[in-house]
Amino acid sequence: MWKRCLGGGLALWALTAVLTYVTRNAALLPTLILLGGFLVPVVFVLWAYERHGRDLGVSAVLGCFLAGGVLGVPGAALMEPYLLHPSPELFLGIGLVEEAAKLGALVFALRRLPGIRGTRAGLVLGAAVGFGFAVPESCGYAFEAAFSTGVFDLRTLLETEILRGLLAPFGQGLWTAIAGGVLLSCRRPAGRFRLPPPVLAAWFGVALLHTLWDSTHGIALWLVARLAGAGVQRELFAQGYLVRPSAAQEHLFTLFSLAGLALVALLGVVWARSLAYRARPWRNTP
């Protein structure tokens, strides 16, 4: 099913993009943005369900997916203005708040399902929450990119959706899968959730991955500036650009940015696979 969903979704998204370009019909924009935001998260949740989560039930997976978007995003948006302020630690604060909001959504979705526990269940359902969280986030980024210059820019919107789609499997879904796997591995047989040190460590660890992911742009900028021997003013660093960069500096910036994202993604994948490997004796599917 996930393969058919991927193929059909890509075809619909491409067709909608072409029609939007040809007709310049603004009524197609919501469809284009929603298709781009939902496609990859839904495909990966279907894949996880078909490969590893059939015994968990459709209702549990769907409930976690919806909870991630409906509860996780508003929860994080509600907490961030009160807990976070502009500072060098801002990205870390965002990571901690968003990962806590997603874990809260997972707990809420499973509060009446005491029989669901264990690392494998946590990996699958945590991923569902994370991908649910990623849908409105990606749609918001796409909408913002489309009108960032004050006028509608279809090319920027499509580039943003393609980039977000390619990176989606290594972001929100992966991080919450890791934290969810540890959380449900510590859940009591009666269904009560606990927060022992391993769960808190996993929450902080995925928040740190989240922080590094969000900071990649700034870290790449800092590295290029250091190699160039240029002093980067704090306000320019915060805005995320170098003044009149050379071609070599632009290439270095792209290289460092991609290498940083790849490194964070690799760390997350290795962590998730180690949890999955330890859960293998309890897996019901190959």
Protein backbone atom coordinates (compact mmCIF):
# COMPACT_ATOMS: atom_id res chain seq x y z
CA MET A 1 0.00 0.00 0.00
CA TRP A 2 2.79 2.43 0.81
CA LYS A 3 4.28 2.05 -2.65
CA ARG A 4 0.93 2.80 -4.31
CA CYS A 5 0.44 5.76 -2.00
CA LEU A 6 3.88 7.12 -2.88
CA GLY A 7 3.42 6.71 -6.63
CA GLY A 8 -0.13 8.07 -6.70
CA GLY A 9 0.71 10.94 -4.36
CA LEU A 10 3.73 12.01 -6.39
CA ALA A 11 1.67 11.95 -9.58
CA LEU A 12 -1.10 14.06 -8.02
CA TRP A 13 1.40 16.51 -6.55
CA ALA A 14 3.22 16.92 -9.89
CA LEU A 15 -0.08 17.33 -11.76
CA THR A 16 -1.26 19.96 -9.28
CA ALA A 17 2.07 21.80 -9.57
CA VAL A 18 1.82 21.86 -13.37
CA LEU A 19 -1.80 23.05 -13.30
CA THR A 20 -0.91 25.76 -10.80
CA TYR A 21 1.93 26.94 -13.03
CA VAL A 22 -0.15 26.90 -16.22
CA THR A 23 -3.39 28.40 -14.87
CA ARG A 24 -2.00 30.62 -12.08
CA ASN A 25 -5.13 29.64 -10.18
CA ALA A 26 -4.71 30.51 -6.49
CA ALA A 27 -7.47 28.04 -5.58
CA LEU A 28 -5.01 25.20 -6.26
CA LEU A 29 -2.50 26.39 -3.66
CA PRO A 30 -4.11 24.69 -0.63
CA THR A 31 -4.18 21.38 -2.50
CA LEU A 32 -0.56 21.73 -3.60
CA ILE A 33 0.66 22.65 -0.11
CA LEU A 34 -1.36 19.93 1.64
CA LEU A 35 -0.28 17.23 -0.83
CA GLY A 36 3.36 18.19 -0.39
CA GLY A 37 3.04 18.28 3.39
CA PHE A 38 1.17 15.00 3.82
CA LEU A 39 2.80 12.78 1.17
CA VAL A 40 6.09 11.68 2.76
CA PRO A 41 4.81 11.49 6.38
CA VAL A 42 1.82 9.36 5.37
CA VAL A 43 3.96 7.06 3.20
CA PHE A 44 6.46 6.43 6.00
CA VAL A 45 3.71 5.80 8.56
CA LEU A 46 2.13 3.29 6.17
CA TRP A 47 5.50 1.62 5.66
CA ALA A 48 6.10 1.36 9.42
CA TYR A 49 2.61 -0.01 9.97
CA GLU A 50 2.87 -2.64 7.22
CA ARG A 51 6.36 -3.80 8.18
CA HIS A 52 6.30 -3.59 11.96
CA GLY A 53 2.97 -2.48 13.39
CA ARG A 54 0.04 -4.50 12.03
CA ASP A 55 -0.62 -6.05 15.43
CA LEU A 56 -0.88 -2.58 17.00
CA GLY A 57 -4.03 -1.81 15.05
CA VAL A 58 -4.96 0.93 12.61
CA SER A 59 -6.73 2.98 15.27
CA ALA A 60 -3.61 3.24 17.45
CA VAL A 61 -1.36 4.27 14.55
CA LEU A 62 -3.91 6.73 13.16
CA GLY A 63 -4.62 8.14 16.61
CA CYS A 64 -0.91 8.79 17.21
CA PHE A 65 -0.52 10.39 13.79
CA LEU A 66 -3.44 12.73 14.43
CA ALA A 67 -2.29 13.48 17.97
CA GLY A 68 1.13 14.54 16.69
CA GLY A 69 -0.40 17.15 14.40
CA VAL A 70 -3.45 18.22 16.37
CA LEU A 71 -1.88 18.25 19.86
CA GLY A 72 1.89 18.30 19.34
CA VAL A 73 2.18 21.40 17.17
CA PRO A 74 -0.27 23.60 19.16
CA GLY A 75 1.29 22.36 22.39
CA ALA A 76 4.76 23.36 21.28
CA ALA A 77 3.50 26.68 19.92
CA LEU A 78 1.79 27.38 23.24
CA MET A 79 4.87 26.64 25.34
CA GLU A 80 7.58 28.24 23.23
CA PRO A 81 6.57 31.93 23.69
CA TYR A 82 6.56 31.54 27.48
CA LEU A 83 9.64 29.36 27.90
CA LEU A 84 11.95 30.60 25.16
CA HIS A 85 13.62 33.93 24.58
CA PRO A 86 16.23 35.05 22.02
CA SER A 87 19.57 33.64 23.20
CA PRO A 88 22.41 31.39 22.01
CA GLU A 89 20.52 28.47 23.58
CA LEU A 90 17.31 29.16 21.65
CA PHE A 91 17.60 26.14 19.34
CA LEU A 92 18.20 23.83 22.29
CA GLY A 93 15.10 25.23 23.97
CA ILE A 94 13.06 24.64 20.82
CA GLY A 95 14.30 21.06 20.63
CA LEU A 96 13.45 20.35 24.28
CA VAL A 97 9.98 21.91 24.01
CA GLU A 98 9.00 20.24 20.73
CA GLU A 99 10.25 16.80 21.76
CA ALA A 100 8.40 17.12 25.08
CA ALA A 101 5.22 18.17 23.24
CA LYS A 102 5.43 15.14 20.94
CA LEU A 103 6.00 12.74 23.82
CA GLY A 104 3.02 14.31 25.57
CA ALA A 105 0.92 13.70 22.45
CA LEU A 106 2.07 10.06 22.40
CA VAL A 107 1.11 9.58 26.05
CA PHE A 108 -2.30 11.17 25.42
CA ALA A 109 -2.99 8.99 22.37
CA LEU A 110 -2.14 5.79 24.28
CA ARG A 111 -3.64 6.67 27.66
CA ARG A 112 -6.57 4.23 27.18
CA LEU A 113 -4.52 1.50 25.50
CA PRO A 114 -2.61 -0.04 28.43
CA GLY A 115 -1.68 -3.16 26.49
CA ILE A 116 0.53 -1.29 24.04
CA ARG A 117 4.07 -1.27 25.38
CA GLY A 118 7.58 -2.30 24.39
CA THR A 119 10.34 -0.84 22.27
CA ARG A 120 8.94 -1.94 18.90
CA ALA A 121 5.53 -0.39 19.60
CA GLY A 122 7.23 2.79 20.76
CA LEU A 123 9.31 3.04 17.60
CA VAL A 124 6.29 2.65 15.32
CA LEU A 125 3.87 4.85 17.27
CA GLY A 126 6.52 7.43 18.11
CA ALA A 127 7.28 7.74 14.41
CA ALA A 128 3.55 8.19 13.74
CA VAL A 129 3.41 11.06 16.24
CA GLY A 130 6.55 12.65 14.81
CA PHE A 131 5.34 12.46 11.23
CA GLY A 132 1.96 13.83 12.29
CA PHE A 133 3.84 16.75 13.85
CA ALA A 134 5.82 17.24 10.64
CA VAL A 135 2.71 17.69 8.43
CA PRO A 136 1.50 21.11 9.65
CA GLU A 137 5.10 22.20 10.17
CA SER A 138 5.98 21.44 6.53
CA CYS A 139 2.78 23.06 5.28
CA GLY A 140 3.60 26.18 7.28
CA TYR A 141 7.12 26.37 5.88
CA ALA A 142 5.79 25.92 2.33
CA PHE A 143 3.19 28.66 2.75
CA GLU A 144 5.77 31.00 4.26
CA ALA A 145 8.23 30.29 1.44
CA ALA A 146 5.58 30.93 -1.22
CA PHE A 147 4.93 34.46 0.02
CA SER A 148 8.30 35.34 1.60
CA THR A 149 8.93 38.08 -0.98
CA GLY A 150 5.45 39.58 -0.69
CA VAL A 151 4.25 38.05 -3.97
CA PHE A 152 3.46 34.45 -4.82
CA ASP A 153 6.60 32.47 -5.75
CA LEU A 154 5.72 28.99 -7.06
CA ARG A 155 9.34 27.97 -7.60
CA THR A 156 10.31 28.66 -3.98
CA LEU A 157 7.23 26.79 -2.75
CA LEU A 158 8.06 23.70 -4.82
CA GLU A 159 11.73 23.78 -3.81
CA THR A 160 10.73 24.01 -0.15
CA GLU A 161 8.30 21.10 -0.42
CA ILE A 162 10.82 18.90 -2.23
CA LEU A 163 13.54 19.66 0.31
CA ARG A 164 11.21 19.12 3.27
CA GLY A 165 10.00 15.86 1.74
CA LEU A 166 13.52 14.52 1.24
CA LEU A 167 14.57 15.45 4.78
CA ALA A 168 11.33 14.40 6.52
CA PRO A 169 12.35 10.74 7.20
CA PHE A 170 15.41 11.92 9.15
CA GLY A 171 13.74 14.60 11.25
CA GLN A 172 10.66 14.75 13.46
CA GLY A 173 9.52 11.18 12.81
CA LEU A 174 12.92 9.63 13.52
CA TRP A 175 13.50 11.61 16.72
CA THR A 176 10.11 10.78 18.21
CA ALA A 177 10.47 7.14 17.20
CA ILE A 178 13.64 6.95 19.31
CA ALA A 179 12.11 8.70 22.33
CA GLY A 180 8.87 6.73 21.98
CA GLY A 181 10.74 3.44 21.82
CA VAL A 182 12.48 4.16 25.11
CA LEU A 183 9.30 5.54 26.72
CA LEU A 184 7.16 2.49 25.91
CA SER A 185 9.95 0.09 26.83
CA CYS A 186 9.65 1.49 30.37
CA ARG A 187 5.85 1.45 30.48
CA ARG A 188 4.42 -0.68 33.26
CA PRO A 189 2.25 -3.73 32.40
CA ALA A 190 -0.79 -1.95 33.87
CA GLY A 191 -0.31 0.88 31.36
CA ARG A 192 1.19 3.52 33.64
CA PHE A 193 3.86 5.68 32.04
CA ARG A 194 7.12 6.30 33.90
CA LEU A 195 9.94 8.79 33.43
CA PRO A 196 13.04 6.94 34.67
CA PRO A 197 16.54 8.18 33.75
CA PRO A 198 16.66 6.29 30.39
CA VAL A 199 13.51 8.10 29.20
CA LEU A 200 14.80 11.49 30.29
CA ALA A 201 18.15 10.75 28.66
CA ALA A 202 16.42 9.76 25.41
CA TRP A 203 14.31 12.93 25.48
CA PHE A 204 17.39 15.10 25.98
CA GLY A 205 19.34 13.11 23.37
CA VAL A 206 16.75 13.54 20.62
CA ALA A 207 16.34 17.20 21.61
CA LEU A 208 20.10 17.56 21.09
CA LEU A 209 19.81 15.96 17.64
CA HIS A 210 16.96 18.36 16.93
CA THR A 211 19.13 21.27 18.05
CA LEU A 212 22.06 20.24 15.87
CA TRP A 213 19.74 19.80 12.89
CA ASP A 214 18.30 23.32 13.31
CA SER A 215 21.77 24.80 13.96
CA THR A 216 23.43 23.30 10.88
CA HIS A 217 22.99 26.49 8.87
CA GLY A 218 24.60 28.65 11.54
CA ILE A 219 27.40 26.18 12.23
CA ALA A 220 28.24 26.02 8.51
CA LEU A 221 28.27 29.82 8.38
CA TRP A 222 30.60 29.98 11.39
CA LEU A 223 32.98 27.41 9.88
CA VAL A 224 33.17 29.29 6.57
CA ALA A 225 33.82 32.55 8.37
CA ARG A 226 36.56 30.98 10.48
CA LEU A 227 38.26 29.46 7.44
CA ALA A 228 38.04 32.78 5.62
CA GLY A 229 39.55 34.58 8.60
CA ALA A 230 36.59 36.95 8.70
CA GLY A 231 35.03 38.17 11.90
CA VAL A 232 31.27 37.60 11.76
CA GLN A 233 29.24 40.15 13.62
CA ARG A 234 26.64 38.69 15.95
CA GLU A 235 23.69 40.26 14.15
CA LEU A 236 24.85 38.99 10.75
CA PHE A 237 25.41 35.52 12.18
CA ALA A 238 21.85 35.54 13.58
CA GLN A 239 20.48 36.50 10.16
CA GLY A 240 22.39 33.62 8.60
CA TYR A 241 24.45 35.06 5.78
CA LEU A 242 27.91 36.29 4.88
CA VAL A 243 28.38 39.66 3.26
CA ARG A 244 29.48 39.32 -0.37
CA PRO A 245 30.72 35.71 -0.15
CA SER A 246 33.10 34.40 -2.77
CA ALA A 247 32.27 31.39 -4.95
CA ALA A 248 34.60 29.22 -2.86
CA GLN A 249 32.85 30.32 0.34
CA GLU A 250 29.44 29.51 -1.14
CA HIS A 251 30.64 26.02 -2.08
CA LEU A 252 32.12 25.49 1.38
CA PHE A 253 28.91 26.65 3.02
CA THR A 254 26.85 24.18 0.96
CA LEU A 255 29.31 21.38 1.73
CA PHE A 256 29.31 22.03 5.49
CA SER A 257 25.52 22.35 5.58
CA LEU A 258 24.92 19.06 3.77
CA ALA A 259 27.63 17.27 5.76
CA GLY A 260 26.10 18.50 9.02
CA LEU A 261 22.61 17.30 8.10
CA ALA A 262 24.01 13.95 6.93
CA LEU A 263 25.92 13.49 10.19
CA VAL A 264 22.88 14.26 12.37
CA ALA A 265 20.72 11.96 10.24
CA LEU A 266 23.28 9.15 10.51
CA LEU A 267 23.42 9.48 14.30
CA GLY A 268 19.64 9.27 14.49
CA VAL A 269 19.40 6.26 12.16
CA VAL A 270 22.11 4.37 14.06
CA TRP A 271 20.37 5.06 17.38
CA ALA A 272 16.98 3.95 16.05
CA ARG A 273 18.44 0.80 14.49
CA SER A 274 20.15 -0.11 17.75
CA LEU A 275 16.79 0.13 19.54
CA ALA A 276 15.11 -1.92 16.82
CA TYR A 277 17.84 -4.56 17.02
CA ARG A 278 17.32 -4.93 20.77
CA ALA A 279 13.57 -5.27 20.17
CA ARG A 280 13.94 -8.04 17.54
CA PRO A 281 13.06 -10.96 19.82
CA TRP A 282 9.60 -9.44 20.34
CA ARG A 283 8.90 -8.54 16.72
CA ASN A 284 5.94 -10.26 15.09
CA THR A 285 6.88 -9.43 11.52
CA PRO A 286 10.06 -10.11 9.52
